Amino acid sequence: MLTTKDKILSVMIDHIKKETDIKNMSLSQIAIEAEIGKSTVYEHFTSKEDLILETYMFLLKHYEKILTSDIEKMDFKGAFIEQMSKITFVMKDAKMIMNAIMNNHQQAFPSFSKEIDLCVKNIQHVMD
């Protein structure tokens, strides 16, 4: 069962995957889709921008966790296949989401750039 915060994030993720212009979405609309009251959204997020940024960071950390999870003790071939499988999964699942984060929504919400760039650099560092 999803927590209230997870329901809100799930609504946002669905809209990002659908390439909805979330800049023009209202918190009332998000609350309706999450089947909660608007004031409940404010219990978890201070603003729509806070919600959007936290959604982006949640997604980036989700993909980072997949990509950087330890590969079980395997021979080189097994480890290589496992890592390629993870990369392929993330690329398929995250294609639209990462495009939205890295391009469209950074233009709409320039204040997010610094935090998102730091998260991406951390993922790159861990992958090196």
N, C-alpha and C. Protein backbone atom coordinates (compact mmCIF):
# COMPACT_ATOMS: atom_id res chain seq x y z
N MET A 1 0.84 -1.18 0.00
CA MET A 1 0.00 0.00 0.00
C MET A 1 0.89 1.24 0.00
N LEU A 2 0.57 2.17 -0.87
CA LEU A 2 1.36 3.38 -0.99
C LEU A 2 1.06 4.36 0.13
N THR A 3 2.10 5.05 0.59
CA THR A 3 1.89 6.13 1.54
C THR A 3 1.29 7.31 0.78
N THR A 4 0.78 8.28 1.51
CA THR A 4 0.21 9.46 0.86
C THR A 4 1.26 10.16 0.01
N LYS A 5 2.45 10.31 0.53
CA LYS A 5 3.52 10.96 -0.23
C LYS A 5 3.84 10.18 -1.49
N ASP A 6 3.86 8.85 -1.40
CA ASP A 6 4.12 8.02 -2.58
C ASP A 6 3.02 8.19 -3.62
N LYS A 7 1.77 8.34 -3.18
CA LYS A 7 0.66 8.56 -4.12
C LYS A 7 0.87 9.86 -4.89
N ILE A 8 1.28 10.90 -4.18
CA ILE A 8 1.52 12.20 -4.81
C ILE A 8 2.66 12.08 -5.82
N LEU A 9 3.76 11.46 -5.41
CA LEU A 9 4.89 11.28 -6.32
C LEU A 9 4.50 10.44 -7.52
N SER A 10 3.68 9.43 -7.31
CA SER A 10 3.24 8.56 -8.40
C SER A 10 2.45 9.35 -9.44
N VAL A 11 1.58 10.24 -8.98
CA VAL A 11 0.82 11.09 -9.91
C VAL A 11 1.79 11.93 -10.74
N MET A 12 2.78 12.51 -10.08
CA MET A 12 3.74 13.35 -10.80
C MET A 12 4.55 12.53 -11.80
N ILE A 13 4.98 11.35 -11.40
CA ILE A 13 5.75 10.49 -12.30
C ILE A 13 4.91 10.12 -13.52
N ASP A 14 3.65 9.79 -13.31
CA ASP A 14 2.76 9.47 -14.44
C ASP A 14 2.68 10.64 -15.41
N HIS A 15 2.57 11.85 -14.90
CA HIS A 15 2.48 13.02 -15.78
C HIS A 15 3.79 13.29 -16.50
N ILE A 16 4.91 13.05 -15.82
CA ILE A 16 6.20 13.23 -16.48
C ILE A 16 6.34 12.21 -17.61
N LYS A 17 5.94 10.96 -17.36
CA LYS A 17 6.01 9.93 -18.40
C LYS A 17 5.11 10.25 -19.59
N LYS A 18 3.99 10.90 -19.32
CA LYS A 18 3.07 11.29 -20.39
C LYS A 18 3.49 12.60 -21.05
N GLU A 19 4.58 13.18 -20.58
CA GLU A 19 5.10 14.45 -21.07
C GLU A 19 4.09 15.59 -20.91
N THR A 20 3.34 15.54 -19.83
CA THR A 20 2.40 16.61 -19.49
C THR A 20 3.20 17.86 -19.13
N ASP A 21 2.67 19.01 -19.46
CA ASP A 21 3.30 20.27 -19.07
C ASP A 21 2.99 20.51 -17.60
N ILE A 22 3.82 19.95 -16.73
CA ILE A 22 3.53 20.02 -15.29
C ILE A 22 3.68 21.42 -14.72
N LYS A 23 4.33 22.29 -15.46
CA LYS A 23 4.45 23.68 -15.02
C LYS A 23 3.07 24.30 -14.86
N ASN A 24 2.13 23.89 -15.70
CA ASN A 24 0.79 24.46 -15.68
C ASN A 24 -0.21 23.65 -14.86
N MET A 25 0.24 22.58 -14.23
CA MET A 25 -0.65 21.79 -13.38
C MET A 25 -0.84 22.48 -12.04
N SER A 26 -2.00 22.32 -11.46
CA SER A 26 -2.25 22.89 -10.13
C SER A 26 -2.12 21.80 -9.07
N LEU A 27 -1.85 22.23 -7.85
CA LEU A 27 -1.80 21.27 -6.75
C LEU A 27 -3.17 20.67 -6.50
N SER A 28 -4.22 21.41 -6.81
CA SER A 28 -5.58 20.86 -6.68
C SER A 28 -5.77 19.67 -7.61
N GLN A 29 -5.30 19.81 -8.84
CA GLN A 29 -5.40 18.72 -9.82
C GLN A 29 -4.60 17.50 -9.35
N ILE A 30 -3.41 17.75 -8.84
CA ILE A 30 -2.57 16.66 -8.34
C ILE A 30 -3.26 15.95 -7.18
N ALA A 31 -3.83 16.74 -6.27
CA ALA A 31 -4.53 16.17 -5.11
C ALA A 31 -5.71 15.31 -5.54
N ILE A 32 -6.49 15.79 -6.50
CA ILE A 32 -7.65 15.03 -7.00
C ILE A 32 -7.19 13.69 -7.56
N GLU A 33 -6.14 13.71 -8.37
CA GLU A 33 -5.65 12.47 -8.98
C GLU A 33 -5.04 11.52 -7.95
N ALA A 34 -4.48 12.07 -6.88
CA ALA A 34 -3.92 11.23 -5.82
C ALA A 34 -4.99 10.81 -4.81
N GLU A 35 -6.21 11.30 -5.03
CA GLU A 35 -7.36 11.00 -4.17
C GLU A 35 -7.12 11.44 -2.73
N ILE A 36 -6.62 12.67 -2.60
CA ILE A 36 -6.39 13.28 -1.29
C ILE A 36 -6.85 14.73 -1.34
N GLY A 37 -6.88 15.38 -0.21
CA GLY A 37 -7.22 16.79 -0.16
C GLY A 37 -6.02 17.65 -0.52
N LYS A 38 -6.29 18.85 -1.04
CA LYS A 38 -5.20 19.75 -1.43
C LYS A 38 -4.31 20.08 -0.23
N SER A 39 -4.91 20.27 0.93
CA SER A 39 -4.11 20.61 2.12
C SER A 39 -3.15 19.48 2.49
N THR A 40 -3.51 18.26 2.14
CA THR A 40 -2.64 17.11 2.41
C THR A 40 -1.36 17.20 1.59
N VAL A 41 -1.47 17.71 0.37
CA VAL A 41 -0.27 17.90 -0.45
C VAL A 41 0.71 18.81 0.28
N TYR A 42 0.17 19.88 0.88
CA TYR A 42 1.02 20.84 1.60
C TYR A 42 1.62 20.26 2.88
N GLU A 43 1.08 19.18 3.37
CA GLU A 43 1.68 18.51 4.53
C GLU A 43 3.01 17.84 4.15
N HIS A 44 3.16 17.55 2.86
CA HIS A 44 4.35 16.85 2.38
C HIS A 44 5.29 17.73 1.56
N PHE A 45 4.75 18.77 0.93
CA PHE A 45 5.53 19.63 0.04
C PHE A 45 5.15 21.09 0.28
N THR A 46 6.15 21.97 0.29
CA THR A 46 5.88 23.38 0.58
C THR A 46 5.30 24.13 -0.61
N SER A 47 5.53 23.61 -1.82
CA SER A 47 5.05 24.28 -3.03
C SER A 47 5.06 23.28 -4.18
N LYS A 48 4.49 23.70 -5.30
CA LYS A 48 4.51 22.84 -6.49
C LYS A 48 5.95 22.62 -6.95
N GLU A 49 6.76 23.66 -6.88
CA GLU A 49 8.16 23.54 -7.29
C GLU A 49 8.90 22.53 -6.40
N ASP A 50 8.61 22.56 -5.10
CA ASP A 50 9.20 21.60 -4.17
C ASP A 50 8.78 20.18 -4.54
N LEU A 51 7.53 19.99 -4.88
CA LEU A 51 7.02 18.68 -5.30
C LEU A 51 7.71 18.20 -6.57
N ILE A 52 7.84 19.09 -7.54
CA ILE A 52 8.46 18.71 -8.81
C ILE A 52 9.92 18.35 -8.59
N LEU A 53 10.64 19.18 -7.85
CA LEU A 53 12.05 18.90 -7.59
C LEU A 53 12.21 17.58 -6.84
N GLU A 54 11.39 17.35 -5.84
CA GLU A 54 11.50 16.10 -5.08
C GLU A 54 11.17 14.90 -5.97
N THR A 55 10.23 15.06 -6.89
CA THR A 55 9.91 13.98 -7.83
C THR A 55 11.11 13.68 -8.71
N TYR A 56 11.74 14.72 -9.25
CA TYR A 56 12.93 14.52 -10.08
C TYR A 56 14.05 13.84 -9.29
N MET A 57 14.28 14.31 -8.08
CA MET A 57 15.34 13.73 -7.27
C MET A 57 15.03 12.28 -6.90
N PHE A 58 13.76 11.98 -6.63
CA PHE A 58 13.34 10.61 -6.35
C PHE A 58 13.67 9.71 -7.53
N LEU A 59 13.34 10.17 -8.74
CA LEU A 59 13.59 9.37 -9.93
C LEU A 59 15.09 9.18 -10.17
N LEU A 60 15.85 10.25 -10.05
CA LEU A 60 17.29 10.13 -10.25
C LEU A 60 17.91 9.16 -9.25
N LYS A 61 17.50 9.24 -8.00
CA LYS A 61 18.04 8.34 -6.97
C LYS A 61 17.58 6.90 -7.21
N HIS A 62 16.36 6.74 -7.71
CA HIS A 62 15.85 5.40 -8.04
C HIS A 62 16.74 4.75 -9.11
N TYR A 63 17.03 5.50 -10.17
CA TYR A 63 17.87 4.96 -11.24
C TYR A 63 19.31 4.79 -10.78
N GLU A 64 19.79 5.69 -9.95
CA GLU A 64 21.14 5.55 -9.40
C GLU A 64 21.25 4.25 -8.60
N LYS A 65 20.24 3.97 -7.80
CA LYS A 65 20.25 2.76 -6.98
C LYS A 65 20.31 1.51 -7.86
N ILE A 66 19.55 1.52 -8.94
CA ILE A 66 19.57 0.37 -9.85
C ILE A 66 20.95 0.22 -10.49
N LEU A 67 21.49 1.32 -10.99
CA LEU A 67 22.75 1.26 -11.73
C LEU A 67 23.96 0.97 -10.84
N THR A 68 23.90 1.40 -9.60
CA THR A 68 25.07 1.26 -8.74
C THR A 68 24.96 0.13 -7.73
N SER A 69 23.87 -0.61 -7.78
CA SER A 69 23.73 -1.71 -6.83
C SER A 69 24.84 -2.73 -7.08
N ASP A 70 25.28 -3.32 -6.00
CA ASP A 70 26.38 -4.28 -6.10
C ASP A 70 25.98 -5.46 -6.97
N ILE A 71 26.90 -5.83 -7.78
CA ILE A 71 26.70 -7.03 -8.58
C ILE A 71 27.15 -8.20 -7.72
N GLU A 72 26.27 -9.17 -7.65
CA GLU A 72 26.60 -10.34 -6.84
C GLU A 72 27.90 -10.96 -7.33
N LYS A 73 28.50 -11.73 -6.48
CA LYS A 73 29.78 -12.35 -6.84
C LYS A 73 29.57 -13.24 -8.06
N MET A 74 30.08 -12.71 -9.16
CA MET A 74 29.94 -13.42 -10.43
C MET A 74 31.27 -13.37 -11.15
N ASP A 75 31.38 -14.23 -12.13
CA ASP A 75 32.54 -14.12 -12.99
C ASP A 75 32.35 -12.88 -13.87
N PHE A 76 33.38 -12.51 -14.60
CA PHE A 76 33.33 -11.29 -15.40
C PHE A 76 32.16 -11.30 -16.37
N LYS A 77 31.97 -12.42 -17.06
CA LYS A 77 30.90 -12.50 -18.05
C LYS A 77 29.54 -12.29 -17.40
N GLY A 78 29.30 -12.94 -16.28
CA GLY A 78 28.03 -12.79 -15.58
C GLY A 78 27.81 -11.37 -15.08
N ALA A 79 28.88 -10.77 -14.54
CA ALA A 79 28.79 -9.39 -14.04
C ALA A 79 28.53 -8.42 -15.19
N PHE A 80 29.18 -8.65 -16.32
CA PHE A 80 28.98 -7.80 -17.49
C PHE A 80 27.54 -7.88 -17.98
N ILE A 81 27.03 -9.08 -18.09
CA ILE A 81 25.65 -9.27 -18.54
C ILE A 81 24.67 -8.62 -17.57
N GLU A 82 24.91 -8.78 -16.27
CA GLU A 82 24.04 -8.18 -15.25
C GLU A 82 24.04 -6.65 -15.36
N GLN A 83 25.23 -6.07 -15.50
CA GLN A 83 25.32 -4.61 -15.59
C GLN A 83 24.66 -4.10 -16.87
N MET A 84 24.86 -4.79 -17.98
CA MET A 84 24.22 -4.38 -19.24
C MET A 84 22.71 -4.47 -19.13
N SER A 85 22.22 -5.48 -18.44
CA SER A 85 20.79 -5.63 -18.22
C SER A 85 20.24 -4.45 -17.43
N LYS A 86 20.96 -4.04 -16.39
CA LYS A 86 20.53 -2.89 -15.59
C LYS A 86 20.52 -1.61 -16.43
N ILE A 87 21.57 -1.41 -17.19
CA ILE A 87 21.66 -0.21 -18.02
C ILE A 87 20.53 -0.18 -19.04
N THR A 88 20.27 -1.31 -19.66
CA THR A 88 19.19 -1.39 -20.65
C THR A 88 17.84 -1.09 -20.02
N PHE A 89 17.59 -1.66 -18.85
CA PHE A 89 16.33 -1.40 -18.15
C PHE A 89 16.17 0.08 -17.85
N VAL A 90 17.20 0.69 -17.29
CA VAL A 90 17.12 2.11 -16.93
C VAL A 90 16.93 2.96 -18.18
N MET A 91 17.64 2.62 -19.25
CA MET A 91 17.51 3.41 -20.48
C MET A 91 16.09 3.35 -21.01
N LYS A 92 15.48 2.18 -21.00
CA LYS A 92 14.11 2.05 -21.50
C LYS A 92 13.13 2.75 -20.59
N ASP A 93 13.25 2.53 -19.30
CA ASP A 93 12.30 3.08 -18.34
C ASP A 93 12.45 4.59 -18.19
N ALA A 94 13.66 5.06 -18.30
CA ALA A 94 13.92 6.46 -17.97
C ALA A 94 14.03 7.39 -19.17
N LYS A 95 13.89 6.87 -20.37
CA LYS A 95 14.14 7.71 -21.55
C LYS A 95 13.34 9.00 -21.52
N MET A 96 12.03 8.91 -21.44
CA MET A 96 11.20 10.11 -21.44
C MET A 96 11.41 10.93 -20.17
N ILE A 97 11.53 10.23 -19.07
CA ILE A 97 11.69 10.93 -17.79
C ILE A 97 12.98 11.73 -17.76
N MET A 98 14.07 11.11 -18.15
CA MET A 98 15.35 11.82 -18.14
C MET A 98 15.35 12.96 -19.15
N ASN A 99 14.72 12.75 -20.29
CA ASN A 99 14.62 13.83 -21.27
C ASN A 99 13.87 15.02 -20.67
N ALA A 100 12.79 14.74 -19.98
CA ALA A 100 12.02 15.81 -19.35
C ALA A 100 12.84 16.53 -18.29
N ILE A 101 13.53 15.76 -17.47
CA ILE A 101 14.34 16.36 -16.40
C ILE A 101 15.49 17.18 -16.98
N MET A 102 16.21 16.61 -17.91
CA MET A 102 17.43 17.25 -18.39
C MET A 102 17.16 18.39 -19.37
N ASN A 103 16.03 18.40 -20.03
CA ASN A 103 15.79 19.42 -21.04
C ASN A 103 14.61 20.32 -20.71
N ASN A 104 13.44 19.83 -20.94
CA ASN A 104 12.24 20.65 -20.87
C ASN A 104 12.03 21.32 -19.52
N HIS A 105 12.08 20.57 -18.46
CA HIS A 105 11.71 21.13 -17.17
C HIS A 105 12.82 21.94 -16.53
N GLN A 106 14.05 21.72 -16.93
CA GLN A 106 15.11 22.58 -16.42
C GLN A 106 14.94 23.99 -16.97
N GLN A 107 14.41 24.09 -18.18
CA GLN A 107 14.15 25.42 -18.74
C GLN A 107 13.01 26.09 -18.01
N ALA A 108 12.00 25.33 -17.65
CA ALA A 108 10.85 25.88 -16.94
C ALA A 108 11.17 26.19 -15.48
N PHE A 109 12.06 25.40 -14.90
CA PHE A 109 12.42 25.56 -13.48
C PHE A 109 13.94 25.64 -13.35
N PRO A 110 14.54 26.76 -13.76
CA PRO A 110 16.01 26.85 -13.75
C PRO A 110 16.64 26.69 -12.37
N SER A 111 15.87 26.95 -11.33
CA SER A 111 16.43 26.80 -9.98
C SER A 111 16.75 25.34 -9.65
N PHE A 112 16.20 24.40 -10.41
CA PHE A 112 16.45 22.98 -10.17
C PHE A 112 17.80 22.54 -10.72
N SER A 113 18.35 23.28 -11.66
CA SER A 113 19.54 22.84 -12.38
C SER A 113 20.68 22.43 -11.46
N LYS A 114 20.95 23.23 -10.46
CA LYS A 114 22.10 22.96 -9.59
C LYS A 114 21.94 21.63 -8.86
N GLU A 115 20.78 21.40 -8.25
CA GLU A 115 20.57 20.15 -7.51
C GLU A 115 20.57 18.94 -8.43
N ILE A 116 19.95 19.07 -9.58
CA ILE A 116 19.90 17.96 -10.53
C ILE A 116 21.30 17.67 -11.07
N ASP A 117 22.05 18.72 -11.42
CA ASP A 117 23.41 18.53 -11.90
C ASP A 117 24.28 17.81 -10.87
N LEU A 118 24.14 18.17 -9.60
CA LEU A 118 24.90 17.50 -8.54
C LEU A 118 24.55 16.03 -8.45
N CYS A 119 23.28 15.71 -8.56
CA CYS A 119 22.85 14.32 -8.49
C CYS A 119 23.39 13.53 -9.68
N VAL A 120 23.31 14.11 -10.88
CA VAL A 120 23.82 13.43 -12.08
C VAL A 120 25.33 13.22 -11.97
N LYS A 121 26.05 14.22 -11.49
CA LYS A 121 27.50 14.08 -11.32
C LYS A 121 27.83 12.98 -10.31
N ASN A 122 27.03 12.87 -9.27
CA ASN A 122 27.25 11.81 -8.28
C ASN A 122 27.05 10.44 -8.91
N ILE A 123 26.03 10.30 -9.73
CA ILE A 123 25.79 9.03 -10.43
C ILE A 123 26.98 8.71 -11.33
N GLN A 124 27.45 9.71 -12.09
CA GLN A 124 28.60 9.50 -12.97
C GLN A 124 29.83 9.09 -12.18
N HIS A 125 30.05 9.74 -11.04
CA HIS A 125 31.21 9.42 -10.20
C HIS A 125 31.15 7.98 -9.70
N VAL A 126 29.99 7.56 -9.24
CA VAL A 126 29.83 6.20 -8.72
C VAL A 126 30.01 5.18 -9.84
N MET A 127 29.57 5.52 -11.04
CA MET A 127 29.67 4.59 -12.17
C MET A 127 31.10 4.46 -12.69
N ASP A 128 31.95 5.47 -12.44
CA ASP A 128 33.33 5.44 -12.95
C ASP A 128 34.17 4.39 -12.30
